[in-house]
Amino acid sequence: MINLFVSFLLAFTPQTKFLTYTNSLNKFNVRYPERWQNQAGLNAVAFLSPKESEQDAFQENVNLMLQDLAQQPMSLDQYTELTRQQVTQFAGTDAIVSLKDATIGGQPCKEFIFTMAYNGRDLKLKQYWFIKGQTAYLFTYTAETTQYASYENVATDLMKSFSFF
């Protein structure tokens, strides 16, 4: 009976459709929800969730930033320590929720979750980063703390869809 109910729910749960963002210069793809906007720059791209209402003052988002490390080469562990120190200085040691190993696009990476206050908002962020060659790839999912869980799965799917071509 429970299996039948779960199957019924899955059959009628709307599935998120994804589009593909392609960066030909850096040779990577990322899949993002079709209702989200993408805003691309030279070394960054941001994906913004749709507003939930006219009163929605904060759009949850995922961004990917590429950082050139040619002038200051570092390992994944060194980059991780630098990032951890920066978050601790800005948001305090209590802000760190977790830091662990992960994989994105076949690349070993770090997953970092932390909280912070910014412009009067309580935010929760999930970051993934890895280094390939002399470039750091830094993904950040940012949401108001109260909305974090609502968007976490789709944001994580977006970040983990990253692939080189």
Protein backbone atom coordinates (compact mmCIF):
# COMPACT_ATOMS: atom_id res chain seq x y z
CA MET A 1 0.00 0.00 0.00
CA ILE A 2 2.80 2.43 0.91
CA ASN A 3 4.67 1.59 -2.31
CA LEU A 4 1.54 2.32 -4.32
CA PHE A 5 1.12 5.69 -2.58
CA VAL A 6 4.77 6.63 -3.18
CA SER A 7 4.48 5.61 -6.85
CA PHE A 8 1.34 7.74 -7.16
CA LEU A 9 3.12 10.76 -5.65
CA LEU A 10 6.13 10.36 -7.92
CA ALA A 11 3.92 10.08 -10.98
CA PHE A 12 2.21 13.38 -10.25
CA THR A 13 5.14 15.38 -8.91
CA PRO A 14 6.18 17.98 -11.50
CA GLN A 15 9.70 17.38 -12.74
CA THR A 16 12.06 20.31 -13.15
CA LYS A 17 13.14 20.73 -16.77
CA PHE A 18 16.72 21.81 -17.30
CA LEU A 19 18.45 23.88 -19.98
CA THR A 20 22.17 23.71 -20.74
CA TYR A 21 24.51 26.66 -20.28
CA THR A 22 27.66 26.23 -22.39
CA ASN A 23 30.88 28.14 -21.87
CA SER A 24 32.84 27.57 -25.10
CA LEU A 25 35.88 29.53 -23.93
CA ASN A 26 36.46 27.39 -20.83
CA LYS A 27 34.88 24.28 -22.36
CA PHE A 28 32.25 23.37 -19.79
CA ASN A 29 28.49 22.85 -19.52
CA VAL A 30 26.09 23.35 -16.62
CA ARG A 31 22.44 22.35 -16.58
CA TYR A 32 20.04 24.78 -14.89
CA PRO A 33 16.26 24.90 -14.33
CA GLU A 34 14.42 26.39 -17.31
CA ARG A 35 12.57 28.91 -15.12
CA TRP A 36 15.83 30.30 -13.72
CA GLN A 37 17.66 33.20 -15.38
CA ASN A 38 21.32 32.98 -16.28
CA GLN A 39 23.60 35.99 -16.27
CA ALA A 40 27.00 35.31 -17.76
CA GLY A 41 30.19 37.33 -17.52
CA LEU A 42 33.74 36.64 -18.64
CA ASN A 43 34.83 34.56 -15.62
CA ALA A 44 31.50 33.99 -13.90
CA VAL A 45 27.92 32.94 -14.46
CA ALA A 46 24.97 33.34 -12.10
CA PHE A 47 21.70 31.42 -12.12
CA LEU A 48 18.80 33.13 -10.33
CA SER A 49 15.62 31.46 -9.12
CA PRO A 50 12.32 32.99 -10.19
CA LYS A 51 10.68 35.36 -7.72
CA GLU A 52 8.07 33.59 -5.62
CA SER A 53 5.91 36.75 -5.55
CA GLU A 54 6.14 40.49 -6.13
CA GLN A 55 7.18 40.82 -2.48
CA ASP A 56 10.10 38.38 -2.90
CA ALA A 57 13.09 40.63 -2.24
CA PHE A 58 15.78 37.93 -2.49
CA GLN A 59 16.26 35.49 -5.35
CA GLU A 60 18.03 32.30 -4.36
CA ASN A 61 20.94 31.76 -6.70
CA VAL A 62 23.85 29.63 -7.77
CA ASN A 63 26.95 31.19 -9.24
CA LEU A 64 30.12 29.79 -10.69
CA MET A 65 33.26 31.89 -10.58
CA LEU A 66 36.55 30.99 -12.24
CA GLN A 67 39.63 32.32 -10.49
CA ASP A 68 43.00 32.49 -12.24
CA LEU A 69 45.63 31.13 -9.86
CA ALA A 70 48.60 31.62 -12.21
CA GLN A 71 50.06 34.42 -10.06
CA GLN A 72 49.45 32.53 -6.81
CA PRO A 73 49.40 28.78 -7.50
CA MET A 74 47.93 26.64 -4.74
CA SER A 75 46.68 23.15 -4.07
CA LEU A 76 43.09 22.22 -3.26
CA ASP A 77 44.01 21.98 0.43
CA GLN A 78 45.66 25.42 0.42
CA TYR A 79 42.64 26.95 -1.36
CA THR A 80 40.36 25.25 1.17
CA GLU A 81 42.29 26.64 4.13
CA LEU A 82 42.30 30.14 2.64
CA THR A 83 38.54 30.00 2.05
CA ARG A 84 37.86 28.64 5.55
CA GLN A 85 39.95 31.46 7.07
CA GLN A 86 38.12 34.11 5.04
CA VAL A 87 34.70 32.82 6.12
CA THR A 88 35.81 32.62 9.74
CA GLN A 89 37.09 36.22 9.63
CA PHE A 90 33.92 37.52 7.99
CA ALA A 91 31.22 35.40 9.67
CA GLY A 92 32.88 33.83 12.74
CA THR A 93 33.82 30.26 13.61
CA ASP A 94 30.23 29.34 14.53
CA ALA A 95 29.18 30.05 10.94
CA ILE A 96 30.75 26.86 9.58
CA VAL A 97 28.20 24.05 9.29
CA SER A 98 30.31 21.47 7.44
CA LEU A 99 33.38 20.97 5.27
CA LYS A 100 33.91 17.67 3.46
CA ASP A 101 35.29 15.99 0.36
CA ALA A 102 33.05 15.63 -2.71
CA THR A 103 33.22 15.26 -6.50
CA ILE A 104 31.93 17.51 -9.29
CA GLY A 105 32.36 16.82 -12.99
CA GLY A 106 34.76 14.00 -12.16
CA GLN A 107 36.97 16.42 -10.21
CA PRO A 108 37.77 15.91 -6.53
CA CYS A 109 36.45 18.95 -4.70
CA LYS A 110 35.36 20.31 -1.34
CA GLU A 111 31.81 20.92 -0.15
CA PHE A 112 31.51 23.77 2.35
CA ILE A 113 28.30 24.88 4.07
CA PHE A 114 28.12 27.99 6.23
CA THR A 115 25.79 30.73 7.42
CA MET A 116 26.19 34.48 7.55
CA ALA A 117 24.29 37.72 7.92
CA TYR A 118 24.47 40.09 4.96
CA ASN A 119 22.52 43.30 4.31
CA GLY A 120 20.09 42.46 7.10
CA ARG A 121 19.42 38.94 5.82
CA ASP A 122 20.31 35.60 7.39
CA LEU A 123 21.85 33.53 4.60
CA LYS A 124 22.97 29.95 4.23
CA LEU A 125 25.51 29.05 1.57
CA LYS A 126 26.75 25.82 0.05
CA GLN A 127 29.99 25.97 -1.90
CA TYR A 128 31.89 23.47 -4.00
CA TRP A 129 35.35 24.15 -5.36
CA PHE A 130 38.06 22.37 -7.25
CA ILE A 131 41.25 23.34 -9.03
CA LYS A 132 42.08 22.30 -12.57
CA GLY A 133 45.36 23.52 -14.01
CA GLN A 134 45.80 27.08 -12.80
CA THR A 135 42.09 27.79 -12.39
CA ALA A 136 39.88 27.47 -9.33
CA TYR A 137 36.22 26.71 -10.05
CA LEU A 138 34.04 28.01 -7.20
CA PHE A 139 30.31 27.23 -7.09
CA THR A 140 28.12 28.99 -4.52
CA TYR A 141 24.46 28.36 -3.72
CA THR A 142 23.05 31.26 -1.67
CA ALA A 143 19.63 31.31 -0.03
CA GLU A 144 17.87 32.96 2.84
CA THR A 145 18.13 30.55 5.75
CA THR A 146 14.34 30.05 5.78
CA GLN A 147 14.35 29.10 2.06
CA TYR A 148 17.57 27.07 1.94
CA ALA A 149 15.96 23.61 2.13
CA SER A 150 13.35 24.51 -0.51
CA TYR A 151 16.00 25.11 -3.18
CA GLU A 152 18.87 22.92 -1.96
CA ASN A 153 18.15 19.87 -4.14
CA VAL A 154 17.73 21.80 -7.39
CA ALA A 155 20.77 23.99 -6.59
CA THR A 156 22.89 20.93 -5.80
CA ASP A 157 21.72 19.23 -9.01
CA LEU A 158 22.71 22.36 -10.94
CA MET A 159 26.19 22.47 -9.39
CA LYS A 160 26.77 18.73 -9.78
CA SER A 161 25.69 18.83 -13.44
CA PHE A 162 28.96 20.62 -14.30
CA SER A 163 31.00 18.83 -16.95
CA PHE A 164 33.94 19.61 -19.21
CA PHE A 165 33.75 18.92 -22.95
